[in-house]
Amino acid sequence: YNKLTSLPRSFQSMKYLRVLALSNNRISEFPTALVNLRFLEEIDLSNNELTKLPATINGMRALKILHLEGNNFPIEEQERIRKELGEVMVYF
């Protein structure tokens, strides 16, 4: 419960990060810096204020698990995300 609304730019320098827990904050936009983290396998963004994800998230080749529970994604956006991320386990 840090109440973060964004991530510092320094996150881009964490090249070898594999798991990132950002649940229970106030993040309303997907942190685009995460897309550049080539080894990131799991992201927990549950219980934030997200309603959409950028199309660039499909470039995250190492991503295996994405937690988005407790956000306000419309059904259409959920379907788009699942389709674009294919093999990634996405939880709404």
C-alpha atoms as a PDB file:
ATOM      1  CA  TYR A   1       0.000   0.000   0.000  1.00  0.00           C
ATOM      2  CA  ASN A   2       2.549   2.511  -1.156  1.00  0.00           C
ATOM      3  CA  LYS A   3       0.065   4.587  -3.149  1.00  0.00           C
ATOM      4  CA  LEU A   4       2.483   4.952  -6.052  1.00  0.00           C
ATOM      5  CA  THR A   5       1.052   6.655  -9.122  1.00  0.00           C
ATOM      6  CA  SER A   6       4.067   6.044 -11.377  1.00  0.00           C
ATOM      7  CA  LEU A   7       7.539   4.520 -11.396  1.00  0.00           C
ATOM      8  CA  PRO A   8      10.813   6.412 -11.353  1.00  0.00           C
ATOM      9  CA  ARG A   9      12.834   6.381 -14.570  1.00  0.00           C
ATOM     10  CA  SER A  10      15.539   4.424 -12.775  1.00  0.00           C
ATOM     11  CA  PHE A  11      13.405   1.293 -13.243  1.00  0.00           C
ATOM     12  CA  GLN A  12      14.723   1.088 -16.798  1.00  0.00           C
ATOM     13  CA  SER A  13      18.178   0.310 -15.429  1.00  0.00           C
ATOM     14  CA  MET A  14      16.962  -2.877 -13.694  1.00  0.00           C
ATOM     15  CA  LYS A  15      17.740  -4.924 -16.790  1.00  0.00           C
ATOM     16  CA  TYR A  16      17.682  -8.353 -15.176  1.00  0.00           C
ATOM     17  CA  LEU A  17      14.527  -7.938 -13.082  1.00  0.00           C
ATOM     18  CA  ARG A  18      12.326 -11.054 -13.353  1.00  0.00           C
ATOM     19  CA  VAL A  19       9.414 -10.429 -10.954  1.00  0.00           C
ATOM     20  CA  LEU A  20       7.829  -7.088 -10.103  1.00  0.00           C
ATOM     21  CA  ALA A  21       5.085  -6.572  -7.489  1.00  0.00           C
ATOM     22  CA  LEU A  22       3.245  -3.271  -7.777  1.00  0.00           C
ATOM     23  CA  SER A  23      -0.117  -4.274  -6.324  1.00  0.00           C
ATOM     24  CA  ASN A  24      -2.249  -2.031  -4.127  1.00  0.00           C
ATOM     25  CA  ASN A  25      -1.098   1.300  -5.491  1.00  0.00           C
ATOM     26  CA  ARG A  26      -2.700   4.070  -7.532  1.00  0.00           C
ATOM     27  CA  ILE A  27      -1.110   3.408 -10.902  1.00  0.00           C
ATOM     28  CA  SER A  28      -3.489   4.504 -13.659  1.00  0.00           C
ATOM     29  CA  GLU A  29      -1.192   4.034 -16.691  1.00  0.00           C
ATOM     30  CA  PHE A  30       0.947   1.015 -17.472  1.00  0.00           C
ATOM     31  CA  PRO A  31       4.572   1.977 -16.791  1.00  0.00           C
ATOM     32  CA  THR A  32       5.994   1.955 -20.322  1.00  0.00           C
ATOM     33  CA  ALA A  33       9.535   1.589 -18.952  1.00  0.00           C
ATOM     34  CA  LEU A  34       8.622  -2.020 -18.108  1.00  0.00           C
ATOM     35  CA  VAL A  35       8.377  -2.918 -21.792  1.00  0.00           C
ATOM     36  CA  ASN A  36      12.160  -2.560 -22.073  1.00  0.00           C
ATOM     37  CA  LEU A  37      12.878  -5.059 -19.284  1.00  0.00           C
ATOM     38  CA  ARG A  38      13.720  -8.103 -21.429  1.00  0.00           C
ATOM     39  CA  PHE A  39      13.817 -10.655 -18.595  1.00  0.00           C
ATOM     40  CA  LEU A  40      10.629  -9.630 -16.775  1.00  0.00           C
ATOM     41  CA  GLU A  41       8.532 -12.789 -16.392  1.00  0.00           C
ATOM     42  CA  GLU A  42       5.860 -11.768 -13.889  1.00  0.00           C
ATOM     43  CA  ILE A  43       4.161  -8.460 -13.130  1.00  0.00           C
ATOM     44  CA  ASP A  44       1.602  -7.917 -10.391  1.00  0.00           C
ATOM     45  CA  LEU A  45      -0.388  -4.748 -11.024  1.00  0.00           C
ATOM     46  CA  SER A  46      -3.477  -5.908  -9.166  1.00  0.00           C
ATOM     47  CA  ASN A  47      -5.596  -3.407  -7.247  1.00  0.00           C
ATOM     48  CA  ASN A  48      -4.488  -0.282  -9.061  1.00  0.00           C
ATOM     49  CA  GLU A  49      -6.449   2.140 -11.267  1.00  0.00           C
ATOM     50  CA  LEU A  50      -5.699   0.704 -14.712  1.00  0.00           C
ATOM     51  CA  THR A  51      -8.305   0.627 -17.490  1.00  0.00           C
ATOM     52  CA  LYS A  52      -6.102  -0.216 -20.493  1.00  0.00           C
ATOM     53  CA  LEU A  53      -2.663  -1.454 -21.489  1.00  0.00           C
ATOM     54  CA  PRO A  54      -0.509  -0.167 -24.355  1.00  0.00           C
ATOM     55  CA  ALA A  55      -0.173  -2.303 -27.470  1.00  0.00           C
ATOM     56  CA  THR A  56       3.592  -2.355 -26.877  1.00  0.00           C
ATOM     57  CA  ILE A  57       3.112  -4.848 -24.038  1.00  0.00           C
ATOM     58  CA  ASN A  58       2.996  -7.642 -26.613  1.00  0.00           C
ATOM     59  CA  GLY A  59       6.707  -7.010 -27.154  1.00  0.00           C
ATOM     60  CA  MET A  60       7.500  -8.350 -23.688  1.00  0.00           C
ATOM     61  CA  ARG A  61       8.733 -11.759 -24.862  1.00  0.00           C
ATOM     62  CA  ALA A  62       9.730 -13.130 -21.428  1.00  0.00           C
ATOM     63  CA  LEU A  63       6.405 -12.258 -19.773  1.00  0.00           C
ATOM     64  CA  LYS A  64       4.593 -15.342 -18.484  1.00  0.00           C
ATOM     65  CA  ILE A  65       2.242 -14.064 -15.764  1.00  0.00           C
ATOM     66  CA  LEU A  66       0.357 -10.763 -15.537  1.00  0.00           C
ATOM     67  CA  HIS A  67      -1.867  -9.975 -12.549  1.00  0.00           C
ATOM     68  CA  LEU A  68      -4.459  -7.281 -13.228  1.00  0.00           C
ATOM     69  CA  GLU A  69      -7.141  -8.216 -10.693  1.00  0.00           C
ATOM     70  CA  GLY A  70      -8.987  -5.358  -9.006  1.00  0.00           C
ATOM     71  CA  ASN A  71      -8.555  -2.850 -11.844  1.00  0.00           C
ATOM     72  CA  ASN A  72     -11.309  -1.437 -14.072  1.00  0.00           C
ATOM     73  CA  PHE A  73     -10.676  -3.040 -17.442  1.00  0.00           C
ATOM     74  CA  PRO A  74     -13.711  -3.056 -19.758  1.00  0.00           C
ATOM     75  CA  ILE A  75     -14.547  -6.473 -21.223  1.00  0.00           C
ATOM     76  CA  GLU A  76     -13.379  -5.379 -24.697  1.00  0.00           C
ATOM     77  CA  GLU A  77      -9.978  -4.393 -23.308  1.00  0.00           C
ATOM     78  CA  GLN A  78      -9.674  -7.680 -21.421  1.00  0.00           C
ATOM     79  CA  GLU A  79     -10.347  -9.583 -24.645  1.00  0.00           C
ATOM     80  CA  ARG A  80      -7.797  -7.501 -26.578  1.00  0.00           C
ATOM     81  CA  ILE A  81      -5.141  -8.060 -23.917  1.00  0.00           C
ATOM     82  CA  ARG A  82      -5.713 -11.815 -23.814  1.00  0.00           C
ATOM     83  CA  LYS A  83      -5.561 -12.020 -27.609  1.00  0.00           C
ATOM     84  CA  GLU A  84      -2.404  -9.913 -27.936  1.00  0.00           C
ATOM     85  CA  LEU A  85      -0.551 -11.668 -25.132  1.00  0.00           C
ATOM     86  CA  GLY A  86      -1.409 -15.168 -26.322  1.00  0.00           C
ATOM     87  CA  GLU A  87       0.474 -17.616 -24.077  1.00  0.00           C
ATOM     88  CA  VAL A  88       0.777 -15.224 -21.114  1.00  0.00           C
ATOM     89  CA  MET A  89      -1.374 -16.121 -18.103  1.00  0.00           C
ATOM     90  CA  VAL A  90      -3.429 -12.962 -17.535  1.00  0.00           C
ATOM     91  CA  TYR A  91      -5.601 -12.634 -14.437  1.00  0.00           C
ATOM     92  CA  PHE A  92      -8.399 -10.059 -14.246  1.00  0.00           C
END
